[in-house]
Amino acid sequence: MAYASHIINHSKRLRNVPKLLRYDHAVLVRWFSNGAQSSVCKREDVAKIRPLGYAPAERETVSKFVGSHPVSYCLSKKTLSRTVMRSGITMGGVVYSRGLLCSQALSRRGFASDAGLPPCQEIGMPSLSPTMTEGNIARWLKKEGDKVSPGEVLCEVETDKATVEMECMEEGYLAKIIKGDGSKEIKVGEIIAITVEEEGDIAKFKDYSPPASDSGAPAAKDSAAPPPPKQEPVEQPASSPEPKTPKPTSSPSEDRIFASPLARKLAEEHKVPLSSIKGTGPDGHIVKADIEDYLASRGKEVSAPTPKTKDAKLAALDYVDIPHSQIRKVTASRLLFSKQTIPHYYLTVDTCVDKLMDLRSQLNSLQEASGGKRISVNDLVIKAAALALRKVPQCNSSWTDDYIRQYNNVNINVAVQTDNGLYVPVIRDADKKGLSSIAEEVKNLAQKAKENSLKPEDYEGGTFTVSNLGGPFGIKQFCAIINPPQSGILAVGSAEKRVIPGSGPDQFKFASFMSVTLSCDHRVIDGAIGAEWLKAFKGYIENPESMLL
């Protein structure tokens, strides 16, 4: 520590060192000590030091301090990157930016390999959504050799929810594309490209490939393989007299027959009495070979007709394996988690939609005259659900282990089915928006979902979900699975005409009713609270004029 303080106080050129000492105090002491060796890297190679943004004289000054230690530094005015030189293993590093630890920094600067390649920057697969663990490369917008600048789009990445553009963070040249167009299931952090600072260094990475794991373990196993054959001849003579010695001990238990499970099964299939067979296995046990020899002596063949018929049936099956899409994988895991951990219960109510249909017709006449989007029944349902959540805020909540979080914003997720899977884009502050605004936003988000071009801000942050299978598919009534961490989802069925009593004793009339089912998380929404929310929702649907107030 005294030596490090001496260096810092007497060097006018290393003004960034105090910042480094403040971030990684103990590690820096070990690196700057004469007799110390880095606990991260145990090689004794001399590191090549290339501080970015410093004059040659300043670089020499830095090399005096750490020239004998296997650590390479890249210093700039804004960032400090500490990277351990790789020797056949993957390089790791820690990136500090303006005093903040960036744990998700996926671009790492350092020496490409121990083959004398120039300094480079490894770009890893970024984490573009909270649930993303792997992604696909849709296509590269930059080619190898192209110059890249901060803010330019490098490639399009298919996440677990949408296709997102990946931007470049630093200026340089794209030297090597590790994962090309269409690459699938790339883990977050896995290297996908290499960039360099100098254009002349591009050709040196033509045949570059990320280092693979060491193959020393298989070699060790192969070298250890020869000893077993040497032990076999020694053990064989010792084991030969063993069957003879236990025979006297087995005689007292003559009424019990010892046989292997396979031998017993084979004997049962062919109705062979085990008492009539002499075992040749260890300790006189009856083995499969004994049963087969007995059957051969009786002139019977050991056959298995049943498996043959099963194999014939299986061979006749005709099928196609469809690979999982990223969104289907995430949807499956989240819904499985929801069903396993959330105590669901369901409340269903029928709502008369005659007045709602009349209001919709009037509003669509005004929309067509003004050139706006037509309003659907689903748009009116979203508005009614949002207003009901504002009226009963307990349903606009989510469960945590320590508390129930009640949201002030009413953001409605809308389930949209596409060829790739199920998406749930969000309508933010739906309780404050007009019907025309909701209608236009729903149609735009549904189109983006079908084109697989939703961005994270288009589907994150929802507090309640609406799923409508009635209008598009004619489903009368169903129960939806809650979208965690939300505590409720509304399943909307189709409207159907029913005969109901009229004003007189013998009078009847027709009315249209729509069934809706509310799925509730019982940890958050008690039965009475769920019923109160449905009562508020039904009031807005059956008296739609109140939604316009």
Protein backbone atom coordinates (compact mmCIF):
# COMPACT_ATOMS: atom_id res chain seq x y z
CA MET A 1 0.00 0.00 0.00
CA ALA A 2 2.87 2.34 0.80
CA TYR A 3 4.42 1.67 -2.60
CA ALA A 4 1.14 2.39 -4.40
CA SER A 5 0.70 5.67 -2.47
CA HIS A 6 4.26 6.69 -3.37
CA ILE A 7 3.53 6.17 -7.07
CA ILE A 8 0.26 8.07 -6.98
CA ASN A 9 1.69 11.08 -5.11
CA HIS A 10 4.82 11.49 -7.24
CA SER A 11 3.42 10.88 -10.74
CA LYS A 12 1.79 13.91 -12.39
CA ARG A 13 0.82 11.95 -15.44
CA LEU A 14 -1.40 9.22 -13.93
CA ARG A 15 -4.30 11.37 -12.81
CA ASN A 16 -6.85 8.60 -13.30
CA VAL A 17 -5.12 6.22 -10.87
CA PRO A 18 -6.84 7.65 -7.74
CA LYS A 19 -10.18 6.83 -9.36
CA LEU A 20 -9.04 3.29 -9.98
CA LEU A 21 -7.82 2.99 -6.39
CA ARG A 22 -11.20 4.13 -5.15
CA TYR A 23 -13.03 1.48 -7.20
CA ASP A 24 -10.74 -1.54 -6.79
CA HIS A 25 -8.57 -0.73 -3.80
CA ALA A 26 -7.37 -4.16 -2.71
CA VAL A 27 -6.72 -5.51 -6.22
CA LEU A 28 -4.66 -2.46 -7.19
CA VAL A 29 -2.43 -2.90 -4.15
CA ARG A 30 -1.64 -6.46 -5.21
CA TRP A 31 -0.87 -5.37 -8.79
CA PHE A 32 1.40 -2.48 -7.82
CA SER A 33 3.35 -4.45 -5.20
CA ASN A 34 6.75 -5.73 -6.30
CA GLY A 35 6.45 -9.26 -4.96
CA ALA A 36 2.71 -9.66 -5.54
CA GLN A 37 1.10 -11.60 -8.32
CA SER A 38 -2.41 -11.08 -9.68
CA SER A 39 -4.88 -13.53 -8.20
CA VAL A 40 -6.73 -13.55 -11.52
CA CYS A 41 -3.91 -14.46 -13.88
CA LYS A 42 -0.95 -16.69 -12.92
CA ARG A 43 1.07 -16.43 -16.13
CA GLU A 44 4.43 -14.70 -15.99
CA ASP A 45 4.17 -13.11 -19.42
CA VAL A 46 5.03 -9.46 -19.72
CA ALA A 47 1.92 -7.45 -20.51
CA LYS A 48 1.75 -5.07 -23.41
CA ILE A 49 0.36 -1.80 -22.13
CA ARG A 50 -1.51 0.48 -24.50
CA PRO A 51 -3.28 3.35 -22.70
CA LEU A 52 -5.72 4.97 -25.12
CA GLY A 53 -5.64 8.75 -25.30
CA TYR A 54 -2.15 9.16 -23.76
CA ALA A 55 1.07 10.34 -25.31
CA PRO A 56 3.97 7.87 -25.84
CA ALA A 57 5.88 9.33 -22.90
CA GLU A 58 2.88 8.76 -20.66
CA ARG A 59 2.65 5.15 -21.83
CA GLU A 60 6.26 4.60 -20.86
CA THR A 61 5.51 5.97 -17.41
CA VAL A 62 2.65 3.52 -16.98
CA SER A 63 4.80 0.60 -18.14
CA LYS A 64 7.33 1.35 -15.39
CA PHE A 65 4.67 0.63 -12.78
CA VAL A 66 3.01 -2.50 -14.16
CA GLY A 67 5.40 -3.71 -16.84
CA SER A 68 6.36 -6.85 -14.92
CA HIS A 69 2.82 -7.96 -14.13
CA PRO A 70 0.50 -9.97 -16.43
CA VAL A 71 -2.14 -7.23 -16.64
CA SER A 72 -3.10 -5.07 -19.65
CA TYR A 73 -4.75 -1.65 -19.25
CA CYS A 74 -6.80 0.49 -21.63
CA LEU A 75 -7.31 3.98 -20.16
CA SER A 76 -9.40 6.81 -21.55
CA LYS A 77 -10.78 10.04 -20.19
CA LYS A 78 -14.20 8.58 -19.46
CA THR A 79 -13.75 4.87 -18.92
CA LEU A 80 -11.25 2.54 -17.32
CA SER A 81 -11.13 -1.09 -18.43
CA ARG A 82 -9.10 -3.74 -16.62
CA THR A 83 -8.62 -6.90 -18.62
CA VAL A 84 -6.59 -10.02 -17.95
CA MET A 85 -4.53 -11.31 -20.88
CA ARG A 86 -5.90 -14.56 -22.22
CA SER A 87 -3.81 -17.66 -22.76
CA GLY A 88 -6.13 -20.14 -24.44
CA ILE A 89 -9.04 -19.18 -22.13
CA THR A 90 -11.84 -16.67 -22.42
CA MET A 91 -10.92 -13.10 -21.42
CA GLY A 92 -12.83 -11.45 -18.59
CA GLY A 93 -12.94 -7.80 -17.60
CA VAL A 94 -14.63 -5.17 -15.45
CA VAL A 95 -15.76 -1.87 -16.98
CA TYR A 96 -16.18 1.33 -14.94
CA SER A 97 -17.92 4.38 -16.40
CA ARG A 98 -18.09 7.70 -14.54
CA GLY A 99 -18.02 5.96 -11.17
CA LEU A 100 -20.77 3.42 -11.99
CA LEU A 101 -20.19 -0.33 -12.23
CA CYS A 102 -21.64 -1.54 -15.54
CA SER A 103 -22.41 -5.24 -14.97
CA GLN A 104 -24.14 -5.59 -18.32
CA ALA A 105 -21.26 -4.26 -20.44
CA LEU A 106 -20.82 -6.87 -23.12
CA SER A 107 -18.02 -5.28 -25.16
CA ARG A 108 -14.57 -6.10 -23.74
CA ARG A 109 -11.28 -4.56 -24.82
CA GLY A 110 -7.99 -6.39 -24.75
CA PHE A 111 -5.52 -8.48 -26.72
CA ALA A 112 -7.33 -10.88 -29.03
CA SER A 113 -5.19 -13.93 -28.33
CA ASP A 114 -1.71 -15.08 -27.50
CA ALA A 115 -0.93 -15.35 -31.25
CA GLY A 116 0.21 -11.71 -31.48
CA LEU A 117 -3.05 -10.23 -32.76
CA PRO A 118 -3.58 -6.49 -32.26
CA PRO A 119 -5.92 -5.05 -29.59
CA CYS A 120 -9.60 -5.56 -30.33
CA GLN A 121 -13.04 -5.22 -28.81
CA GLU A 122 -15.20 -8.32 -28.34
CA ILE A 123 -18.92 -7.62 -28.76
CA GLY A 124 -21.19 -10.05 -26.91
CA MET A 125 -24.87 -10.89 -27.29
CA PRO A 126 -26.66 -8.16 -25.28
CA SER A 127 -29.51 -8.67 -22.82
CA LEU A 128 -32.30 -6.66 -24.46
CA SER A 129 -35.17 -7.67 -22.17
CA PRO A 130 -35.52 -8.69 -18.50
CA THR A 131 -36.38 -12.30 -19.38
CA MET A 132 -33.85 -12.78 -22.18
CA THR A 133 -31.27 -15.57 -21.74
CA GLU A 134 -30.44 -16.18 -25.40
CA GLY A 135 -31.17 -14.58 -28.75
CA ASN A 136 -30.93 -14.99 -32.52
CA ILE A 137 -29.19 -12.84 -35.15
CA ALA A 138 -31.83 -11.83 -37.70
CA ARG A 139 -29.42 -10.02 -40.05
CA TRP A 140 -26.29 -7.86 -40.00
CA LEU A 141 -26.64 -4.31 -41.30
CA LYS A 142 -22.85 -3.84 -41.32
CA LYS A 143 -20.36 -5.99 -43.22
CA GLU A 144 -16.84 -7.04 -42.25
CA GLY A 145 -14.49 -4.15 -42.92
CA ASP A 146 -17.14 -1.43 -42.54
CA LYS A 147 -16.42 1.56 -40.35
CA VAL A 148 -18.79 1.90 -37.41
CA SER A 149 -19.61 4.91 -35.25
CA PRO A 150 -21.47 5.26 -31.95
CA GLY A 151 -25.22 5.10 -32.48
CA GLU A 152 -25.10 3.20 -35.77
CA VAL A 153 -27.09 -0.04 -35.98
CA LEU A 154 -24.85 -3.11 -36.22
CA CYS A 155 -27.45 -5.88 -36.50
CA GLU A 156 -31.01 -6.92 -35.71
CA VAL A 157 -31.37 -9.28 -32.74
CA GLU A 158 -34.39 -11.51 -32.19
CA THR A 159 -35.07 -11.49 -28.44
CA ASP A 160 -37.58 -13.58 -26.54
CA LYS A 161 -40.29 -11.02 -27.34
CA ALA A 162 -39.38 -9.01 -30.45
CA THR A 163 -36.71 -8.06 -32.99
CA VAL A 164 -34.53 -5.24 -31.65
CA GLU A 165 -31.80 -3.18 -33.30
CA MET A 166 -28.37 -3.41 -31.67
CA GLU A 167 -26.36 -0.18 -31.81
CA CYS A 168 -22.61 0.33 -31.82
CA MET A 169 -21.09 1.91 -28.68
CA GLU A 170 -17.62 2.94 -29.90
CA GLU A 171 -15.96 4.07 -33.09
CA GLY A 172 -13.88 1.56 -35.03
CA TYR A 173 -13.99 -1.07 -37.79
CA LEU A 174 -15.97 -4.31 -37.89
CA ALA A 175 -13.13 -6.82 -38.25
CA LYS A 176 -14.90 -10.17 -37.84
CA ILE A 177 -18.50 -11.40 -37.60
CA ILE A 178 -18.49 -14.50 -35.39
CA LYS A 179 -22.24 -15.23 -35.54
CA GLY A 180 -23.67 -14.60 -39.00
CA ASP A 181 -27.19 -14.01 -40.27
CA GLY A 182 -29.69 -16.52 -38.93
CA SER A 183 -27.54 -17.73 -36.01
CA LYS A 184 -29.82 -19.30 -33.39
CA GLU A 185 -29.83 -19.68 -29.59
CA ILE A 186 -26.83 -17.47 -28.81
CA LYS A 187 -26.36 -17.17 -25.06
CA VAL A 188 -26.31 -13.68 -23.52
CA GLY A 189 -22.66 -12.57 -23.34
CA GLU A 190 -21.45 -14.96 -26.06
CA ILE A 191 -19.12 -13.22 -28.55
CA ILE A 192 -20.83 -12.33 -31.85
CA ALA A 193 -18.34 -9.90 -33.44
CA ILE A 194 -14.89 -8.29 -33.18
CA THR A 195 -14.09 -4.61 -33.79
CA VAL A 196 -10.69 -2.91 -34.05
CA GLU A 197 -9.56 0.71 -33.93
CA GLU A 198 -7.20 0.68 -36.92
CA GLU A 199 -8.36 -0.21 -40.43
CA GLY A 200 -5.07 -1.98 -41.10
CA ASP A 201 -5.82 -4.54 -38.35
CA ILE A 202 -8.93 -5.90 -40.09
CA ALA A 203 -7.09 -8.46 -42.25
CA LYS A 204 -5.36 -9.95 -39.20
CA PHE A 205 -8.71 -11.22 -37.89
CA LYS A 206 -9.72 -13.00 -41.10
CA ASP A 207 -9.30 -16.48 -39.61
CA TYR A 208 -9.99 -15.50 -36.00
CA SER A 209 -12.33 -17.67 -33.92
CA PRO A 210 -13.18 -17.44 -30.19
CA PRO A 211 -11.06 -19.79 -28.06
CA ALA A 212 -12.68 -23.12 -27.29
CA SER A 213 -12.54 -24.86 -23.92
CA ASP A 214 -9.36 -26.80 -23.14
CA SER A 215 -9.28 -30.41 -24.24
CA GLY A 216 -6.99 -31.47 -21.44
CA ALA A 217 -9.71 -33.30 -19.53
CA PRO A 218 -10.46 -35.81 -22.30
CA ALA A 219 -6.75 -36.40 -22.79
CA ALA A 220 -6.38 -37.15 -19.11
CA LYS A 221 -9.22 -39.61 -19.31
CA ASP A 222 -7.65 -41.31 -22.32
CA SER A 223 -4.31 -41.59 -20.56
CA ALA A 224 -6.00 -43.13 -17.56
CA ALA A 225 -7.84 -45.68 -19.72
CA PRO A 226 -5.02 -48.30 -20.16
CA PRO A 227 -4.78 -49.31 -16.43
CA PRO A 228 -8.15 -51.18 -16.27
CA PRO A 229 -7.10 -53.94 -18.74
CA LYS A 230 -4.04 -54.63 -16.57
CA GLN A 231 -6.23 -55.19 -13.53
CA GLU A 232 -8.66 -57.56 -15.28
CA PRO A 233 -6.38 -60.63 -15.52
CA VAL A 234 -5.43 -60.21 -11.83
CA GLU A 235 -9.06 -60.12 -10.69
CA GLN A 236 -10.31 -63.00 -12.84
CA PRO A 237 -8.45 -65.88 -11.12
CA ALA A 238 -9.33 -64.49 -7.70
CA SER A 239 -13.04 -64.43 -8.57
CA SER A 240 -13.17 -67.93 -10.06
CA PRO A 241 -13.29 -69.87 -6.75
CA GLU A 242 -15.91 -67.53 -5.28
CA PRO A 243 -18.98 -69.38 -6.69
CA LYS A 244 -17.75 -72.61 -5.06
CA THR A 245 -17.36 -71.26 -1.53
CA PRO A 246 -20.86 -69.78 -0.99
CA LYS A 247 -22.67 -72.96 -2.06
CA PRO A 248 -22.77 -74.48 1.45
CA THR A 249 -24.14 -71.19 2.82
CA SER A 250 -26.98 -71.11 0.28
CA SER A 251 -28.23 -74.61 1.13
CA PRO A 252 -30.08 -73.64 4.33
CA SER A 253 -32.42 -71.36 2.34
CA GLU A 254 -33.53 -73.89 -0.25
CA ASP A 255 -37.11 -72.61 -0.32
CA ARG A 256 -36.01 -69.17 -1.63
CA ILE A 257 -34.87 -68.86 -5.24
CA PHE A 258 -32.49 -66.05 -6.20
CA ALA A 259 -32.81 -64.69 -9.77
CA SER A 260 -32.15 -61.45 -11.57
CA PRO A 261 -35.17 -59.24 -12.45
CA LEU A 262 -34.63 -59.85 -16.17
CA ALA A 263 -34.52 -63.62 -15.63
CA ARG A 264 -37.75 -63.52 -13.56
CA LYS A 265 -39.52 -61.48 -16.24
CA LEU A 266 -38.40 -63.85 -19.00
CA ALA A 267 -39.48 -66.86 -16.93
CA GLU A 268 -42.93 -65.37 -16.32
CA GLU A 269 -43.45 -64.62 -20.02
CA HIS A 270 -42.68 -68.22 -20.99
CA LYS A 271 -44.13 -69.84 -17.83
CA VAL A 272 -40.86 -71.44 -16.78
CA PRO A 273 -40.64 -72.65 -13.16
CA LEU A 274 -37.53 -71.19 -11.55
CA SER A 275 -37.26 -74.17 -9.20
CA SER A 276 -36.32 -76.43 -12.13
CA ILE A 277 -33.39 -74.26 -13.22
CA LYS A 278 -29.90 -74.30 -11.75
CA GLY A 279 -28.35 -70.82 -11.58
CA THR A 280 -24.88 -70.16 -12.95
CA GLY A 281 -24.60 -66.55 -11.80
CA PRO A 282 -22.80 -65.22 -8.71
CA ASP A 283 -23.79 -67.09 -5.52
CA GLY A 284 -25.95 -69.42 -7.61
CA HIS A 285 -28.29 -66.70 -8.87
CA ILE A 286 -30.39 -67.47 -11.94
CA VAL A 287 -29.58 -65.14 -14.84
CA LYS A 288 -31.09 -64.54 -18.25
CA ALA A 289 -28.72 -67.00 -19.96
CA ASP A 290 -29.99 -69.80 -17.73
CA ILE A 291 -33.58 -69.19 -18.85
CA GLU A 292 -32.56 -69.06 -22.50
CA ASP A 293 -30.63 -72.34 -22.19
CA TYR A 294 -33.64 -73.98 -20.55
CA LEU A 295 -35.96 -72.81 -23.33
CA ALA A 296 -33.51 -73.99 -25.99
CA SER A 297 -33.37 -77.43 -24.42
CA ARG A 298 -37.16 -77.64 -24.58
CA GLY A 299 -37.13 -76.59 -28.24
CA LYS A 300 -38.73 -73.18 -27.65
CA GLU A 301 -37.48 -69.90 -29.03
CA VAL A 302 -37.25 -66.79 -26.99
CA SER A 303 -39.51 -64.39 -28.84
CA ALA A 304 -41.08 -61.02 -28.06
CA PRO A 305 -44.14 -60.53 -30.25
CA THR A 306 -45.54 -57.62 -28.29
CA PRO A 307 -42.58 -55.26 -28.82
CA LYS A 308 -42.69 -56.03 -32.55
CA THR A 309 -46.29 -54.87 -32.80
CA LYS A 310 -45.41 -51.71 -30.85
CA ASP A 311 -42.49 -51.01 -33.15
CA ALA A 312 -44.73 -51.46 -36.15
CA LYS A 313 -47.21 -48.96 -34.77
CA LEU A 314 -44.49 -46.44 -33.97
CA ALA A 315 -42.96 -46.81 -37.41
CA ALA A 316 -46.32 -45.98 -38.99
CA LEU A 317 -46.49 -42.56 -37.27
CA ASP A 318 -45.98 -39.57 -39.53
CA TYR A 319 -45.03 -36.28 -37.86
CA VAL A 320 -43.10 -33.01 -38.24
CA ASP A 321 -40.98 -31.43 -35.48
CA ILE A 322 -41.54 -27.68 -35.31
CA PRO A 323 -38.73 -25.83 -33.49
CA HIS A 324 -39.69 -23.51 -30.65
CA SER A 325 -39.62 -19.78 -31.30
CA GLN A 326 -38.15 -17.49 -28.65
CA ILE A 327 -41.52 -15.97 -27.76
CA ARG A 328 -43.10 -19.43 -27.42
CA LYS A 329 -40.34 -20.56 -25.05
CA VAL A 330 -40.84 -17.52 -22.82
CA THR A 331 -44.63 -17.75 -22.93
CA ALA A 332 -44.49 -21.43 -21.96
CA SER A 333 -42.16 -20.84 -19.01
CA ARG A 334 -44.10 -17.83 -17.70
CA LEU A 335 -47.50 -19.50 -17.94
CA LEU A 336 -46.17 -22.67 -16.32
CA PHE A 337 -44.76 -20.53 -13.51
CA SER A 338 -48.13 -18.75 -13.22
CA LYS A 339 -50.16 -21.95 -12.93
CA GLN A 340 -47.74 -23.52 -10.45
CA THR A 341 -47.29 -20.56 -8.11
CA ILE A 342 -50.39 -18.33 -8.39
CA PRO A 343 -53.63 -19.51 -6.69
CA HIS A 344 -56.16 -18.82 -9.46
CA TYR A 345 -59.88 -18.47 -8.99
CA TYR A 346 -62.47 -17.37 -11.54
CA LEU A 347 -65.53 -15.10 -11.56
CA THR A 348 -67.93 -15.00 -14.53
CA VAL A 349 -70.68 -12.51 -15.29
CA ASP A 350 -73.01 -11.87 -18.27
CA THR A 351 -73.28 -8.29 -19.52
CA CYS A 352 -75.94 -6.87 -21.81
CA VAL A 353 -74.22 -5.13 -24.74
CA ASP A 354 -77.17 -3.67 -26.66
CA LYS A 355 -76.45 -0.08 -25.57
CA LEU A 356 -72.73 -0.68 -26.18
CA MET A 357 -73.41 -1.72 -29.78
CA ASP A 358 -75.61 1.32 -30.38
CA LEU A 359 -72.95 3.68 -29.02
CA ARG A 360 -70.29 1.96 -31.14
CA SER A 361 -72.37 2.48 -34.30
CA GLN A 362 -72.75 6.20 -33.55
CA LEU A 363 -69.07 6.65 -32.80
CA ASN A 364 -67.99 4.79 -35.95
CA SER A 365 -70.20 7.07 -38.05
CA LEU A 366 -68.31 10.04 -36.62
CA GLN A 367 -64.97 8.28 -37.11
CA GLU A 368 -65.67 7.53 -40.77
CA ALA A 369 -66.67 11.13 -41.37
CA SER A 370 -63.42 12.38 -39.84
CA GLY A 371 -61.21 9.69 -41.38
CA GLY A 372 -60.32 8.03 -38.08
CA LYS A 373 -59.95 4.35 -37.16
CA ARG A 374 -63.10 2.33 -36.52
CA ILE A 375 -63.79 1.49 -32.89
CA SER A 376 -64.19 -2.20 -32.04
CA VAL A 377 -65.98 -3.87 -29.15
CA ASN A 378 -62.56 -4.80 -27.77
CA ASP A 379 -61.58 -1.10 -27.62
CA LEU A 380 -64.69 -0.40 -25.53
CA VAL A 381 -63.86 -3.39 -23.29
CA ILE A 382 -60.32 -2.05 -22.73
CA LYS A 383 -61.69 1.36 -21.77
CA ALA A 384 -64.28 -0.17 -19.41
CA ALA A 385 -61.64 -2.41 -17.77
CA ALA A 386 -59.30 0.56 -17.27
CA LEU A 387 -62.02 2.66 -15.65
CA ALA A 388 -63.04 -0.28 -13.42
CA LEU A 389 -59.40 -0.60 -12.30
CA ARG A 390 -59.37 3.09 -11.46
CA LYS A 391 -62.57 2.58 -9.45
CA VAL A 392 -61.33 -0.60 -7.69
CA PRO A 393 -57.53 -0.09 -7.44
CA GLN A 394 -57.00 -3.25 -5.37
CA CYS A 395 -57.20 -5.22 -8.64
CA ASN A 396 -54.49 -3.04 -10.18
CA SER A 397 -51.81 -4.65 -8.00
CA SER A 398 -49.16 -7.37 -7.88
CA TRP A 399 -47.85 -9.71 -5.19
CA THR A 400 -44.38 -9.68 -3.66
CA ASP A 401 -43.03 -11.62 -0.68
CA ASP A 402 -42.92 -8.49 1.49
CA TYR A 403 -45.85 -6.37 0.32
CA ILE A 404 -48.64 -5.89 -2.25
CA ARG A 405 -47.66 -3.27 -4.83
CA GLN A 406 -50.64 -1.17 -5.94
CA TYR A 407 -50.03 0.75 -9.19
CA ASN A 408 -51.14 4.30 -9.84
CA ASN A 409 -50.87 3.85 -13.62
CA VAL A 410 -53.49 1.76 -15.42
CA ASN A 411 -51.60 0.01 -18.23
CA ILE A 412 -53.63 -2.63 -20.09
CA ASN A 413 -51.90 -5.48 -21.92
CA VAL A 414 -53.85 -6.76 -24.94
CA ALA A 415 -53.30 -10.39 -26.02
CA VAL A 416 -52.47 -10.65 -29.75
CA GLN A 417 -52.05 -14.02 -31.49
CA THR A 418 -49.47 -14.22 -34.31
CA ASP A 419 -47.77 -16.96 -36.33
CA ASN A 420 -44.73 -16.71 -34.03
CA GLY A 421 -46.71 -16.97 -30.80
CA LEU A 422 -48.67 -14.89 -28.30
CA TYR A 423 -47.74 -11.23 -27.74
CA VAL A 424 -49.19 -8.81 -25.17
CA PRO A 425 -48.50 -5.19 -26.21
CA VAL A 426 -49.47 -2.56 -23.63
CA ILE A 427 -51.82 0.44 -23.78
CA ARG A 428 -50.41 2.88 -21.24
CA ASP A 429 -52.73 5.04 -19.13
CA ALA A 430 -55.77 3.55 -20.85
CA ASP A 431 -58.09 5.12 -18.29
CA LYS A 432 -57.03 8.62 -19.43
CA LYS A 433 -57.20 8.03 -23.21
CA GLY A 434 -60.16 8.45 -25.52
CA LEU A 435 -61.71 5.60 -27.48
CA SER A 436 -60.33 6.80 -30.81
CA SER A 437 -56.82 6.98 -29.36
CA ILE A 438 -57.12 3.47 -27.88
CA ALA A 439 -58.45 2.08 -31.18
CA GLU A 440 -55.58 3.52 -33.20
CA GLU A 441 -52.93 2.39 -30.70
CA VAL A 442 -54.30 -1.17 -30.52
CA LYS A 443 -54.26 -1.54 -34.32
CA ASN A 444 -50.70 -0.19 -34.62
CA LEU A 445 -49.37 -2.46 -31.86
CA ALA A 446 -51.16 -5.51 -33.27
CA GLN A 447 -49.57 -4.86 -36.67
CA LYS A 448 -46.11 -4.52 -35.11
CA ALA A 449 -46.67 -7.77 -33.21
CA LYS A 450 -47.53 -9.63 -36.42
CA GLU A 451 -44.41 -8.19 -38.06
CA ASN A 452 -42.32 -9.20 -35.02
CA SER A 453 -41.10 -5.62 -34.64
CA LEU A 454 -42.27 -4.80 -31.10
CA LYS A 455 -39.76 -3.00 -28.90
CA PRO A 456 -39.43 -3.54 -25.13
CA GLU A 457 -41.32 -0.34 -24.37
CA ASP A 458 -44.25 -1.71 -26.42
CA TYR A 459 -44.92 -4.69 -24.14
CA GLU A 460 -43.32 -3.98 -20.73
CA GLY A 461 -44.97 -2.28 -17.76
CA GLY A 462 -48.52 -3.66 -17.96
CA THR A 463 -50.64 -3.89 -14.79
CA PHE A 464 -53.68 -5.85 -16.12
CA THR A 465 -54.41 -7.98 -19.21
CA VAL A 466 -57.44 -8.36 -21.51
CA SER A 467 -57.76 -11.47 -23.70
CA ASN A 468 -60.61 -11.54 -26.24
CA LEU A 469 -61.42 -14.83 -27.98
CA GLY A 470 -65.10 -14.00 -28.49
CA GLY A 471 -65.03 -11.45 -31.29
CA PRO A 472 -62.35 -13.06 -33.51
CA PHE A 473 -63.12 -16.75 -32.83
CA GLY A 474 -66.64 -16.93 -31.42
CA ILE A 475 -65.62 -18.53 -28.11
CA LYS A 476 -68.53 -18.21 -25.69
CA GLN A 477 -66.63 -18.36 -22.40
CA PHE A 478 -63.13 -19.36 -21.20
CA CYS A 479 -60.70 -18.94 -18.29
CA ALA A 480 -57.39 -17.21 -18.99
CA ILE A 481 -54.07 -17.72 -17.17
CA ILE A 482 -52.74 -14.72 -15.23
CA ASN A 483 -49.76 -12.95 -16.77
CA PRO A 484 -47.23 -12.63 -13.89
CA PRO A 485 -46.52 -10.45 -11.97
CA GLN A 486 -50.04 -9.13 -12.55
CA SER A 487 -52.90 -10.30 -10.34
CA GLY A 488 -55.78 -10.35 -12.83
CA ILE A 489 -56.72 -11.06 -16.45
CA LEU A 490 -60.11 -10.64 -18.13
CA ALA A 491 -61.28 -13.30 -20.60
CA VAL A 492 -63.88 -11.90 -23.01
CA GLY A 493 -66.32 -14.21 -24.80
CA SER A 494 -68.63 -13.62 -27.75
CA ALA A 495 -71.98 -11.80 -27.67
CA GLU A 496 -75.11 -13.86 -28.33
CA LYS A 497 -78.78 -13.03 -28.55
CA ARG A 498 -81.04 -14.37 -25.81
CA VAL A 499 -84.77 -14.25 -25.10
CA ILE A 500 -85.55 -12.34 -21.91
CA PRO A 501 -88.84 -11.38 -20.21
CA GLY A 502 -90.51 -8.16 -21.40
CA SER A 503 -92.44 -5.53 -19.50
CA GLY A 504 -95.74 -7.47 -19.58
CA PRO A 505 -96.52 -10.91 -18.12
CA ASP A 506 -96.68 -12.59 -21.55
CA GLN A 507 -94.18 -10.41 -23.35
CA PHE A 508 -90.65 -11.33 -24.38
CA LYS A 509 -87.83 -9.54 -26.13
CA PHE A 510 -84.36 -10.24 -27.48
CA ALA A 511 -81.12 -8.90 -26.01
CA SER A 512 -77.40 -9.52 -26.66
CA PHE A 513 -75.27 -10.76 -23.78
CA MET A 514 -71.52 -11.13 -23.53
CA SER A 515 -69.84 -13.44 -20.98
CA VAL A 516 -66.64 -12.27 -19.31
CA THR A 517 -64.50 -14.20 -16.81
CA LEU A 518 -62.07 -12.57 -14.40
CA SER A 519 -59.09 -14.71 -13.33
CA CYS A 520 -57.80 -13.50 -9.95
CA ASP A 521 -54.72 -14.08 -7.82
CA HIS A 522 -56.26 -14.94 -4.45
CA ARG A 523 -53.16 -13.66 -2.64
CA VAL A 524 -53.98 -10.13 -3.84
CA ILE A 525 -57.66 -10.06 -4.85
CA ASP A 526 -60.19 -11.49 -2.40
CA GLY A 527 -63.46 -12.85 -3.76
CA ALA A 528 -65.47 -9.80 -2.70
CA ILE A 529 -62.93 -7.44 -4.29
CA GLY A 530 -63.06 -9.39 -7.57
CA ALA A 531 -66.85 -9.30 -7.52
CA GLU A 532 -66.79 -5.54 -6.86
CA TRP A 533 -64.51 -5.03 -9.88
CA LEU A 534 -66.80 -7.08 -12.13
CA LYS A 535 -69.78 -5.05 -10.91
CA ALA A 536 -68.00 -1.83 -11.88
CA PHE A 537 -66.98 -3.28 -15.25
CA LYS A 538 -70.53 -4.44 -15.99
CA GLY A 539 -71.87 -0.99 -15.10
CA TYR A 540 -69.60 0.64 -17.71
CA ILE A 541 -70.50 -1.94 -20.39
CA GLU A 542 -74.27 -1.76 -19.86
CA ASN A 543 -74.21 2.06 -19.52
CA PRO A 544 -71.42 3.01 -21.95
CA GLU A 545 -72.29 6.71 -21.87
CA SER A 546 -70.74 6.85 -18.41
CA MET A 547 -67.34 6.05 -19.95
CA LEU A 548 -67.46 9.33 -21.87
CA LEU A 549 -67.93 11.48 -18.76
